[in-house]
Amino acid sequence: MQLDPQKDTELRQKVNRETGRLPWSELMRHFASGNVVWIADEMDLVEVAVRIAHDDKASVGQWMAAGQIAKVSDRQAQEWLETDASLWACVVSPFILVQQQKKPH
């Protein structure tokens, strides 16, 4: 997949500006709708968001197969609720991507 570098840079900056920490309790209704996607800590949250926004099916499929991204499980949701977790989050409509530790880019 060939990305336009200028648009990719703009999107990366936009996603980075719109990424922030949120308590899990504020994300639960989105989880109930099936729209919250977990991103492994070793992944770059902004990079994943850009790839999803560009519909990069090859990368997303690879990450899913490797267990690096997945829909939030009931077990994760319960654990985050019990620990009052605060997660890094960004929106790539219709999904909200969440990560426990944001990695610098």
N, C-alpha and C. Protein backbone atom coordinates (compact mmCIF):
# COMPACT_ATOMS: atom_id res chain seq x y z
N MET A 1 0.85 -1.19 0.00
CA MET A 1 0.00 0.00 0.00
C MET A 1 0.89 1.24 0.00
N GLN A 2 0.66 2.11 -0.94
CA GLN A 2 1.45 3.34 -1.04
C GLN A 2 0.67 4.47 -0.38
N LEU A 3 1.27 5.08 0.62
CA LEU A 3 0.63 6.20 1.31
C LEU A 3 1.21 7.51 0.79
N ASP A 4 0.37 8.51 0.68
CA ASP A 4 0.85 9.83 0.31
C ASP A 4 1.56 10.40 1.54
N PRO A 5 2.88 10.64 1.45
CA PRO A 5 3.63 11.07 2.64
C PRO A 5 3.08 12.34 3.29
N GLN A 6 2.65 13.30 2.48
CA GLN A 6 2.13 14.55 3.05
C GLN A 6 0.87 14.28 3.87
N LYS A 7 -0.06 13.55 3.30
CA LYS A 7 -1.30 13.25 4.02
C LYS A 7 -1.02 12.37 5.23
N ASP A 8 -0.09 11.45 5.09
CA ASP A 8 0.26 10.57 6.20
C ASP A 8 0.83 11.40 7.35
N THR A 9 1.68 12.35 7.05
CA THR A 9 2.27 13.22 8.07
C THR A 9 1.18 14.04 8.75
N GLU A 10 0.29 14.60 7.96
CA GLU A 10 -0.81 15.38 8.53
C GLU A 10 -1.69 14.54 9.42
N LEU A 11 -2.02 13.33 8.96
CA LEU A 11 -2.87 12.45 9.75
C LEU A 11 -2.16 12.04 11.04
N ARG A 12 -0.89 11.72 10.93
CA ARG A 12 -0.10 11.33 12.11
C ARG A 12 -0.11 12.45 13.15
N GLN A 13 0.06 13.69 12.71
CA GLN A 13 0.05 14.83 13.63
C GLN A 13 -1.34 15.01 14.25
N LYS A 14 -2.37 14.86 13.45
CA LYS A 14 -3.74 15.00 13.94
C LYS A 14 -4.04 13.93 15.00
N VAL A 15 -3.71 12.68 14.69
CA VAL A 15 -3.96 11.59 15.64
C VAL A 15 -3.16 11.82 16.92
N ASN A 16 -1.91 12.24 16.78
CA ASN A 16 -1.07 12.48 17.96
C ASN A 16 -1.67 13.57 18.85
N ARG A 17 -2.17 14.65 18.24
CA ARG A 17 -2.79 15.73 19.01
C ARG A 17 -4.07 15.27 19.72
N GLU A 18 -4.77 14.32 19.11
CA GLU A 18 -6.06 13.89 19.64
C GLU A 18 -5.96 12.66 20.55
N THR A 19 -4.75 12.22 20.82
CA THR A 19 -4.55 11.07 21.70
C THR A 19 -4.41 11.57 23.13
N GLY A 20 -5.09 10.89 24.04
CA GLY A 20 -5.01 11.30 25.44
C GLY A 20 -5.37 10.16 26.37
N ARG A 21 -5.14 10.38 27.65
CA ARG A 21 -5.48 9.37 28.66
C ARG A 21 -6.93 9.54 29.09
N LEU A 22 -7.61 8.41 29.19
CA LEU A 22 -9.00 8.40 29.64
C LEU A 22 -9.20 7.27 30.64
N PRO A 23 -10.05 7.49 31.63
CA PRO A 23 -10.37 6.39 32.53
C PRO A 23 -11.22 5.36 31.80
N TRP A 24 -10.98 4.08 32.10
CA TRP A 24 -11.73 3.01 31.45
C TRP A 24 -13.22 3.21 31.62
N SER A 25 -13.65 3.74 32.75
CA SER A 25 -15.08 3.94 33.01
C SER A 25 -15.73 4.80 31.93
N GLU A 26 -14.98 5.72 31.32
CA GLU A 26 -15.54 6.56 30.25
C GLU A 26 -15.60 5.84 28.91
N LEU A 27 -14.91 4.72 28.80
CA LEU A 27 -14.87 3.98 27.55
C LEU A 27 -15.79 2.76 27.55
N MET A 28 -16.37 2.44 28.68
CA MET A 28 -17.15 1.21 28.81
C MET A 28 -18.34 1.14 27.86
N ARG A 29 -19.02 2.25 27.63
CA ARG A 29 -20.18 2.20 26.73
C ARG A 29 -19.74 1.89 25.30
N HIS A 30 -18.56 2.35 24.93
CA HIS A 30 -18.03 2.04 23.60
C HIS A 30 -17.62 0.56 23.54
N PHE A 31 -17.08 0.05 24.64
CA PHE A 31 -16.75 -1.38 24.73
C PHE A 31 -18.01 -2.21 24.55
N ALA A 32 -19.09 -1.79 25.20
CA ALA A 32 -20.36 -2.52 25.10
C ALA A 32 -20.86 -2.56 23.66
N SER A 33 -20.51 -1.57 22.87
CA SER A 33 -20.89 -1.53 21.45
C SER A 33 -19.92 -2.31 20.56
N GLY A 34 -18.84 -2.81 21.17
CA GLY A 34 -17.85 -3.59 20.40
C GLY A 34 -16.88 -2.75 19.61
N ASN A 35 -16.70 -1.49 20.00
CA ASN A 35 -15.88 -0.58 19.21
C ASN A 35 -14.53 -0.24 19.81
N VAL A 36 -14.12 -0.94 20.88
CA VAL A 36 -12.84 -0.62 21.51
C VAL A 36 -11.82 -1.69 21.14
N VAL A 37 -10.68 -1.24 20.62
CA VAL A 37 -9.63 -2.14 20.16
C VAL A 37 -8.38 -1.92 21.01
N TRP A 38 -7.86 -3.02 21.56
CA TRP A 38 -6.65 -3.00 22.37
C TRP A 38 -5.43 -3.05 21.47
N ILE A 39 -4.44 -2.22 21.81
CA ILE A 39 -3.16 -2.19 21.09
C ILE A 39 -2.07 -2.56 22.09
N ALA A 40 -1.24 -3.55 21.75
CA ALA A 40 -0.17 -4.00 22.64
C ALA A 40 0.77 -2.84 22.97
N ASP A 41 1.33 -2.89 24.18
CA ASP A 41 2.21 -1.82 24.64
C ASP A 41 3.42 -1.59 23.75
N GLU A 42 3.92 -2.66 23.11
CA GLU A 42 5.12 -2.50 22.28
C GLU A 42 4.83 -1.83 20.94
N MET A 43 3.55 -1.65 20.62
CA MET A 43 3.16 -1.00 19.37
C MET A 43 3.11 0.51 19.55
N ASP A 44 3.28 1.24 18.44
CA ASP A 44 3.13 2.69 18.43
C ASP A 44 1.65 2.98 18.14
N LEU A 45 0.96 3.48 19.14
CA LEU A 45 -0.48 3.72 19.04
C LEU A 45 -0.82 4.62 17.84
N VAL A 46 -0.05 5.67 17.65
CA VAL A 46 -0.32 6.60 16.55
C VAL A 46 -0.11 5.91 15.21
N GLU A 47 0.96 5.12 15.08
CA GLU A 47 1.22 4.41 13.83
C GLU A 47 0.09 3.44 13.51
N VAL A 48 -0.37 2.72 14.51
CA VAL A 48 -1.49 1.78 14.30
C VAL A 48 -2.73 2.54 13.85
N ALA A 49 -3.01 3.66 14.49
CA ALA A 49 -4.18 4.47 14.13
C ALA A 49 -4.09 4.95 12.68
N VAL A 50 -2.91 5.40 12.27
CA VAL A 50 -2.72 5.87 10.89
C VAL A 50 -2.95 4.73 9.91
N ARG A 51 -2.40 3.55 10.22
CA ARG A 51 -2.57 2.39 9.33
C ARG A 51 -4.04 1.97 9.23
N ILE A 52 -4.75 2.01 10.34
CA ILE A 52 -6.18 1.66 10.32
C ILE A 52 -6.95 2.70 9.50
N ALA A 53 -6.63 3.98 9.70
CA ALA A 53 -7.30 5.04 8.96
C ALA A 53 -7.06 4.90 7.45
N HIS A 54 -5.89 4.40 7.07
CA HIS A 54 -5.57 4.20 5.65
C HIS A 54 -6.04 2.84 5.15
N ASP A 55 -6.76 2.11 5.99
CA ASP A 55 -7.30 0.79 5.63
C ASP A 55 -6.19 -0.15 5.15
N ASP A 56 -5.09 -0.15 5.88
CA ASP A 56 -3.95 -1.01 5.56
C ASP A 56 -4.24 -2.42 6.10
N LYS A 57 -5.01 -3.17 5.33
CA LYS A 57 -5.47 -4.50 5.75
C LYS A 57 -4.31 -5.46 6.00
N ALA A 58 -3.24 -5.35 5.21
CA ALA A 58 -2.10 -6.26 5.37
C ALA A 58 -1.45 -6.09 6.74
N SER A 59 -1.15 -4.85 7.12
CA SER A 59 -0.53 -4.60 8.42
C SER A 59 -1.47 -4.98 9.56
N VAL A 60 -2.71 -4.56 9.47
CA VAL A 60 -3.68 -4.85 10.53
C VAL A 60 -3.86 -6.35 10.69
N GLY A 61 -3.97 -7.07 9.58
CA GLY A 61 -4.12 -8.52 9.63
C GLY A 61 -2.92 -9.19 10.28
N GLN A 62 -1.74 -8.69 9.94
CA GLN A 62 -0.50 -9.22 10.51
C GLN A 62 -0.48 -9.00 12.03
N TRP A 63 -0.84 -7.80 12.46
CA TRP A 63 -0.84 -7.48 13.89
C TRP A 63 -1.88 -8.31 14.64
N MET A 64 -3.03 -8.50 14.01
CA MET A 64 -4.07 -9.32 14.65
C MET A 64 -3.58 -10.76 14.79
N ALA A 65 -2.99 -11.30 13.74
CA ALA A 65 -2.49 -12.67 13.77
C ALA A 65 -1.40 -12.84 14.84
N ALA A 66 -0.61 -11.79 15.06
CA ALA A 66 0.46 -11.83 16.05
C ALA A 66 -0.04 -11.53 17.47
N GLY A 67 -1.34 -11.22 17.61
CA GLY A 67 -1.89 -10.91 18.92
C GLY A 67 -1.50 -9.54 19.44
N GLN A 68 -1.13 -8.63 18.52
CA GLN A 68 -0.71 -7.29 18.93
C GLN A 68 -1.86 -6.28 18.92
N ILE A 69 -2.94 -6.60 18.24
CA ILE A 69 -4.16 -5.80 18.32
C ILE A 69 -5.35 -6.75 18.34
N ALA A 70 -6.37 -6.37 19.08
CA ALA A 70 -7.56 -7.21 19.19
C ALA A 70 -8.68 -6.40 19.84
N LYS A 71 -9.90 -6.85 19.63
CA LYS A 71 -11.02 -6.23 20.35
C LYS A 71 -10.77 -6.47 21.84
N VAL A 72 -11.12 -5.52 22.66
CA VAL A 72 -10.95 -5.66 24.11
C VAL A 72 -11.80 -6.83 24.58
N SER A 73 -11.18 -7.71 25.35
CA SER A 73 -11.88 -8.89 25.87
C SER A 73 -12.67 -8.53 27.13
N ASP A 74 -13.63 -9.38 27.46
CA ASP A 74 -14.39 -9.18 28.70
C ASP A 74 -13.46 -9.19 29.90
N ARG A 75 -12.45 -10.08 29.87
CA ARG A 75 -11.49 -10.19 30.97
C ARG A 75 -10.71 -8.88 31.14
N GLN A 76 -10.22 -8.32 30.03
CA GLN A 76 -9.50 -7.04 30.08
C GLN A 76 -10.41 -5.95 30.63
N ALA A 77 -11.62 -5.89 30.12
CA ALA A 77 -12.56 -4.85 30.55
C ALA A 77 -12.82 -4.94 32.05
N GLN A 78 -13.01 -6.15 32.55
CA GLN A 78 -13.28 -6.34 33.97
C GLN A 78 -12.06 -5.93 34.81
N GLU A 79 -10.88 -6.33 34.36
CA GLU A 79 -9.65 -5.98 35.08
C GLU A 79 -9.46 -4.48 35.13
N TRP A 80 -9.66 -3.81 33.99
CA TRP A 80 -9.51 -2.36 33.95
C TRP A 80 -10.55 -1.66 34.81
N LEU A 81 -11.74 -2.21 34.87
CA LEU A 81 -12.78 -1.63 35.73
C LEU A 81 -12.39 -1.77 37.19
N GLU A 82 -11.93 -2.96 37.57
CA GLU A 82 -11.55 -3.23 38.96
C GLU A 82 -10.36 -2.40 39.41
N THR A 83 -9.44 -2.11 38.50
CA THR A 83 -8.24 -1.34 38.87
C THR A 83 -8.37 0.15 38.56
N ASP A 84 -9.55 0.55 38.10
CA ASP A 84 -9.79 1.95 37.73
C ASP A 84 -8.69 2.45 36.78
N ALA A 85 -8.43 1.64 35.74
CA ALA A 85 -7.34 1.92 34.80
C ALA A 85 -7.57 3.19 34.00
N SER A 86 -6.46 3.84 33.70
CA SER A 86 -6.44 4.99 32.81
C SER A 86 -5.64 4.56 31.59
N LEU A 87 -6.22 4.71 30.40
CA LEU A 87 -5.61 4.20 29.18
C LEU A 87 -5.38 5.32 28.17
N TRP A 88 -4.34 5.15 27.36
CA TRP A 88 -4.16 6.04 26.23
C TRP A 88 -5.23 5.67 25.20
N ALA A 89 -5.85 6.64 24.60
CA ALA A 89 -6.93 6.36 23.66
C ALA A 89 -6.90 7.36 22.50
N CYS A 90 -7.29 6.86 21.35
CA CYS A 90 -7.50 7.73 20.19
C CYS A 90 -8.61 7.12 19.35
N VAL A 91 -9.29 7.97 18.60
CA VAL A 91 -10.43 7.55 17.81
C VAL A 91 -10.03 7.44 16.35
N VAL A 92 -10.36 6.29 15.77
CA VAL A 92 -10.29 6.08 14.33
C VAL A 92 -11.66 5.50 14.01
N SER A 93 -12.59 6.38 13.71
CA SER A 93 -13.99 6.01 13.57
C SER A 93 -14.17 4.78 12.70
N PRO A 94 -14.94 3.82 13.15
CA PRO A 94 -15.82 3.81 14.32
C PRO A 94 -15.15 3.25 15.58
N PHE A 95 -13.83 3.07 15.54
CA PHE A 95 -13.14 2.43 16.65
C PHE A 95 -12.48 3.43 17.59
N ILE A 96 -12.32 2.99 18.84
CA ILE A 96 -11.49 3.69 19.80
C ILE A 96 -10.35 2.73 20.11
N LEU A 97 -9.13 3.18 19.84
CA LEU A 97 -7.95 2.37 20.10
C LEU A 97 -7.44 2.70 21.49
N VAL A 98 -7.12 1.68 22.27
CA VAL A 98 -6.64 1.91 23.63
C VAL A 98 -5.33 1.16 23.85
N GLN A 99 -4.52 1.74 24.73
CA GLN A 99 -3.23 1.15 25.05
C GLN A 99 -2.88 1.54 26.48
N GLN A 100 -2.30 0.62 27.21
CA GLN A 100 -1.95 0.93 28.60
C GLN A 100 -0.75 1.84 28.71
N GLN A 101 0.28 1.63 27.89
CA GLN A 101 1.47 2.46 27.90
C GLN A 101 1.73 2.97 26.50
N LYS A 102 1.73 4.27 26.31
CA LYS A 102 2.00 4.85 25.00
C LYS A 102 3.50 4.86 24.75
N LYS A 103 3.90 4.34 23.60
CA LYS A 103 5.31 4.33 23.24
C LYS A 103 5.64 5.60 22.45
N PRO A 104 6.79 6.22 22.74
CA PRO A 104 7.19 7.42 21.98
C PRO A 104 7.49 7.07 20.54
N HIS A 105 7.28 8.04 19.64
CA HIS A 105 7.57 7.77 18.23
C HIS A 105 8.82 8.49 17.81
